[in-house]
Amino acid sequence: MFVEDVTYAAEQLKKLIGGTITDTVMTPDSESYGFVVEKDGNATVCWVDCDPEGNGAGWISMEKQKKSAAADG
């Protein structure tokens, strides 16, 4: 993945800040999965794809983080 692709993806994800993940989704053929984010009365389905063209499902990595001092106020 190119730096431009990562930068673009990060900018898109910023639009979800403050939203709430409300559900998970999967295509009828179980080939792709994702999650639903609700924010400001709108719902956005976020698909986890292996590339920008959506050629199959990708992998999502999660790790717990401690709150930062700035987030504690």
N, C-alpha and C. Protein backbone atom coordinates (compact mmCIF):
# COMPACT_ATOMS: atom_id res chain seq x y z
N MET A 1 0.85 -1.18 0.00
CA MET A 1 0.00 0.00 0.00
C MET A 1 0.90 1.24 0.00
N PHE A 2 0.51 2.22 -0.80
CA PHE A 2 1.29 3.44 -0.90
C PHE A 2 0.92 4.42 0.21
N VAL A 3 1.83 5.32 0.53
CA VAL A 3 1.61 6.32 1.57
C VAL A 3 0.33 7.11 1.28
N GLU A 4 0.10 7.43 0.00
CA GLU A 4 -1.10 8.20 -0.37
C GLU A 4 -2.36 7.42 -0.02
N ASP A 5 -2.34 6.09 -0.22
CA ASP A 5 -3.50 5.26 0.10
C ASP A 5 -3.77 5.24 1.59
N VAL A 6 -2.70 5.11 2.37
CA VAL A 6 -2.85 5.08 3.82
C VAL A 6 -3.35 6.43 4.33
N THR A 7 -2.81 7.51 3.79
CA THR A 7 -3.24 8.85 4.19
C THR A 7 -4.72 9.05 3.87
N TYR A 8 -5.13 8.64 2.67
CA TYR A 8 -6.54 8.77 2.27
C TYR A 8 -7.43 7.95 3.21
N ALA A 9 -7.04 6.71 3.50
CA ALA A 9 -7.83 5.85 4.38
C ALA A 9 -7.95 6.47 5.77
N ALA A 10 -6.86 7.02 6.28
CA ALA A 10 -6.89 7.65 7.61
C ALA A 10 -7.83 8.85 7.62
N GLU A 11 -7.83 9.63 6.57
CA GLU A 11 -8.73 10.78 6.47
C GLU A 11 -10.19 10.32 6.45
N GLN A 12 -10.47 9.24 5.74
CA GLN A 12 -11.83 8.71 5.70
C GLN A 12 -12.27 8.22 7.08
N LEU A 13 -11.36 7.56 7.78
CA LEU A 13 -11.68 7.05 9.12
C LEU A 13 -11.96 8.17 10.11
N LYS A 14 -11.32 9.32 9.94
CA LYS A 14 -11.55 10.45 10.84
C LYS A 14 -13.01 10.87 10.85
N LYS A 15 -13.71 10.64 9.74
CA LYS A 15 -15.13 10.99 9.65
C LYS A 15 -15.98 10.17 10.62
N LEU A 16 -15.45 9.05 11.09
CA LEU A 16 -16.19 8.17 11.99
C LEU A 16 -15.98 8.50 13.46
N ILE A 17 -15.02 9.37 13.76
CA ILE A 17 -14.74 9.74 15.16
C ILE A 17 -16.01 10.32 15.78
N GLY A 18 -16.35 9.81 16.95
CA GLY A 18 -17.54 10.25 17.65
C GLY A 18 -18.75 9.39 17.35
N GLY A 19 -18.62 8.51 16.38
CA GLY A 19 -19.71 7.59 16.05
C GLY A 19 -19.68 6.37 16.96
N THR A 20 -20.68 5.53 16.80
CA THR A 20 -20.81 4.33 17.60
C THR A 20 -20.93 3.12 16.68
N ILE A 21 -20.11 2.12 16.91
CA ILE A 21 -20.27 0.87 16.17
C ILE A 21 -21.50 0.17 16.73
N THR A 22 -22.48 -0.07 15.86
CA THR A 22 -23.76 -0.61 16.32
C THR A 22 -24.04 -2.03 15.86
N ASP A 23 -23.29 -2.52 14.87
CA ASP A 23 -23.59 -3.85 14.36
C ASP A 23 -22.43 -4.35 13.51
N THR A 24 -22.42 -5.63 13.24
CA THR A 24 -21.51 -6.21 12.28
C THR A 24 -22.32 -6.63 11.06
N VAL A 25 -21.69 -6.71 9.91
CA VAL A 25 -22.37 -7.10 8.68
C VAL A 25 -21.52 -8.12 7.93
N MET A 26 -22.19 -8.91 7.11
CA MET A 26 -21.52 -9.89 6.28
C MET A 26 -22.32 -10.01 4.99
N THR A 27 -21.64 -10.20 3.87
CA THR A 27 -22.34 -10.39 2.61
C THR A 27 -23.06 -11.74 2.64
N PRO A 28 -24.11 -11.89 1.83
CA PRO A 28 -24.87 -13.16 1.81
C PRO A 28 -24.00 -14.38 1.51
N ASP A 29 -22.95 -14.20 0.72
CA ASP A 29 -22.07 -15.33 0.39
C ASP A 29 -20.93 -15.52 1.40
N SER A 30 -20.95 -14.73 2.48
CA SER A 30 -19.93 -14.78 3.55
C SER A 30 -18.52 -14.52 3.04
N GLU A 31 -18.40 -13.76 1.95
CA GLU A 31 -17.09 -13.45 1.38
C GLU A 31 -16.48 -12.18 1.96
N SER A 32 -17.30 -11.29 2.48
CA SER A 32 -16.82 -10.02 3.03
C SER A 32 -17.56 -9.72 4.33
N TYR A 33 -16.91 -8.94 5.18
CA TYR A 33 -17.52 -8.55 6.44
C TYR A 33 -17.16 -7.11 6.76
N GLY A 34 -17.86 -6.56 7.73
CA GLY A 34 -17.59 -5.20 8.14
C GLY A 34 -18.38 -4.85 9.39
N PHE A 35 -18.62 -3.56 9.57
CA PHE A 35 -19.36 -3.08 10.73
C PHE A 35 -20.11 -1.81 10.37
N VAL A 36 -21.11 -1.50 11.19
CA VAL A 36 -21.94 -0.32 10.98
C VAL A 36 -21.57 0.72 12.04
N VAL A 37 -21.37 1.96 11.60
CA VAL A 37 -21.09 3.07 12.51
C VAL A 37 -22.23 4.07 12.37
N GLU A 38 -22.86 4.42 13.49
CA GLU A 38 -23.91 5.44 13.49
C GLU A 38 -23.37 6.72 14.10
N LYS A 39 -23.64 7.82 13.38
CA LYS A 39 -23.19 9.13 13.83
C LYS A 39 -24.12 10.19 13.26
N ASP A 40 -24.57 11.10 14.09
CA ASP A 40 -25.41 12.23 13.66
C ASP A 40 -26.64 11.76 12.89
N GLY A 41 -27.25 10.66 13.33
CA GLY A 41 -28.46 10.17 12.70
C GLY A 41 -28.25 9.43 11.39
N ASN A 42 -27.01 9.22 11.01
CA ASN A 42 -26.71 8.48 9.78
C ASN A 42 -25.94 7.22 10.11
N ALA A 43 -26.10 6.20 9.26
CA ALA A 43 -25.36 4.95 9.44
C ALA A 43 -24.41 4.77 8.26
N THR A 44 -23.20 4.32 8.56
CA THR A 44 -22.19 4.04 7.55
C THR A 44 -21.75 2.60 7.70
N VAL A 45 -21.80 1.84 6.60
CA VAL A 45 -21.28 0.48 6.62
C VAL A 45 -19.81 0.53 6.21
N CYS A 46 -18.96 -0.02 7.03
CA CYS A 46 -17.52 -0.04 6.77
C CYS A 46 -17.12 -1.48 6.45
N TRP A 47 -16.69 -1.72 5.22
CA TRP A 47 -16.26 -3.05 4.80
C TRP A 47 -14.77 -3.20 5.02
N VAL A 48 -14.34 -4.35 5.49
CA VAL A 48 -12.92 -4.65 5.68
C VAL A 48 -12.46 -5.40 4.43
N ASP A 49 -11.83 -4.68 3.51
CA ASP A 49 -11.42 -5.23 2.23
C ASP A 49 -9.90 -5.42 2.17
N CYS A 50 -9.46 -6.29 1.27
CA CYS A 50 -8.03 -6.54 1.15
C CYS A 50 -7.33 -5.49 0.31
N ASP A 51 -8.09 -4.70 -0.46
CA ASP A 51 -7.50 -3.64 -1.28
C ASP A 51 -8.57 -2.62 -1.63
N PRO A 52 -8.20 -1.47 -2.19
CA PRO A 52 -9.17 -0.42 -2.50
C PRO A 52 -10.27 -0.85 -3.47
N GLU A 53 -10.01 -1.88 -4.29
CA GLU A 53 -11.01 -2.33 -5.24
C GLU A 53 -12.02 -3.29 -4.61
N GLY A 54 -11.78 -3.70 -3.38
CA GLY A 54 -12.72 -4.61 -2.70
C GLY A 54 -12.60 -6.05 -3.16
N ASN A 55 -11.40 -6.46 -3.54
CA ASN A 55 -11.18 -7.83 -4.02
C ASN A 55 -11.04 -8.80 -2.86
N GLY A 56 -12.11 -9.03 -2.16
CA GLY A 56 -12.10 -9.99 -1.07
C GLY A 56 -11.93 -9.33 0.28
N ALA A 57 -12.20 -10.15 1.28
CA ALA A 57 -12.12 -9.66 2.66
C ALA A 57 -10.67 -9.47 3.09
N GLY A 58 -10.48 -8.57 4.04
CA GLY A 58 -9.15 -8.32 4.58
C GLY A 58 -9.07 -8.76 6.02
N TRP A 59 -8.12 -8.22 6.70
CA TRP A 59 -7.88 -8.57 8.08
C TRP A 59 -7.92 -7.30 8.90
N ILE A 60 -8.61 -7.36 10.03
CA ILE A 60 -8.65 -6.21 10.93
C ILE A 60 -7.88 -6.59 12.20
N SER A 61 -6.98 -5.74 12.60
CA SER A 61 -6.20 -5.97 13.81
C SER A 61 -6.68 -5.00 14.88
N MET A 62 -6.80 -5.50 16.09
CA MET A 62 -7.25 -4.65 17.19
C MET A 62 -6.31 -4.85 18.37
N GLU A 63 -6.07 -3.76 19.07
CA GLU A 63 -5.27 -3.85 20.29
C GLU A 63 -5.80 -2.84 21.29
N LYS A 64 -5.84 -3.23 22.53
CA LYS A 64 -6.30 -2.34 23.59
C LYS A 64 -5.23 -1.30 23.86
N GLN A 65 -5.67 -0.09 24.15
CA GLN A 65 -4.77 1.01 24.46
C GLN A 65 -5.16 1.59 25.81
N LYS A 66 -4.18 2.03 26.56
CA LYS A 66 -4.48 2.78 27.77
C LYS A 66 -4.87 4.18 27.36
N LYS A 67 -5.75 4.80 28.14
CA LYS A 67 -6.11 6.19 27.86
C LYS A 67 -4.89 7.06 27.97
N SER A 68 -4.78 8.03 27.06
CA SER A 68 -3.67 8.96 27.15
C SER A 68 -3.97 10.01 28.21
N ALA A 69 -2.96 10.67 28.69
CA ALA A 69 -3.14 11.73 29.69
C ALA A 69 -4.01 12.84 29.11
N ALA A 70 -3.86 13.13 27.81
CA ALA A 70 -4.66 14.18 27.18
C ALA A 70 -6.13 13.80 27.16
N ALA A 71 -6.43 12.53 26.96
CA ALA A 71 -7.82 12.09 26.90
C ALA A 71 -8.48 12.13 28.28
N ASP A 72 -7.66 12.05 29.33
CA ASP A 72 -8.20 12.10 30.69
C ASP A 72 -8.58 13.52 31.10
N GLY A 73 -8.15 14.49 30.34
CA GLY A 73 -8.54 15.87 30.62
C GLY A 73 -7.62 16.55 31.53
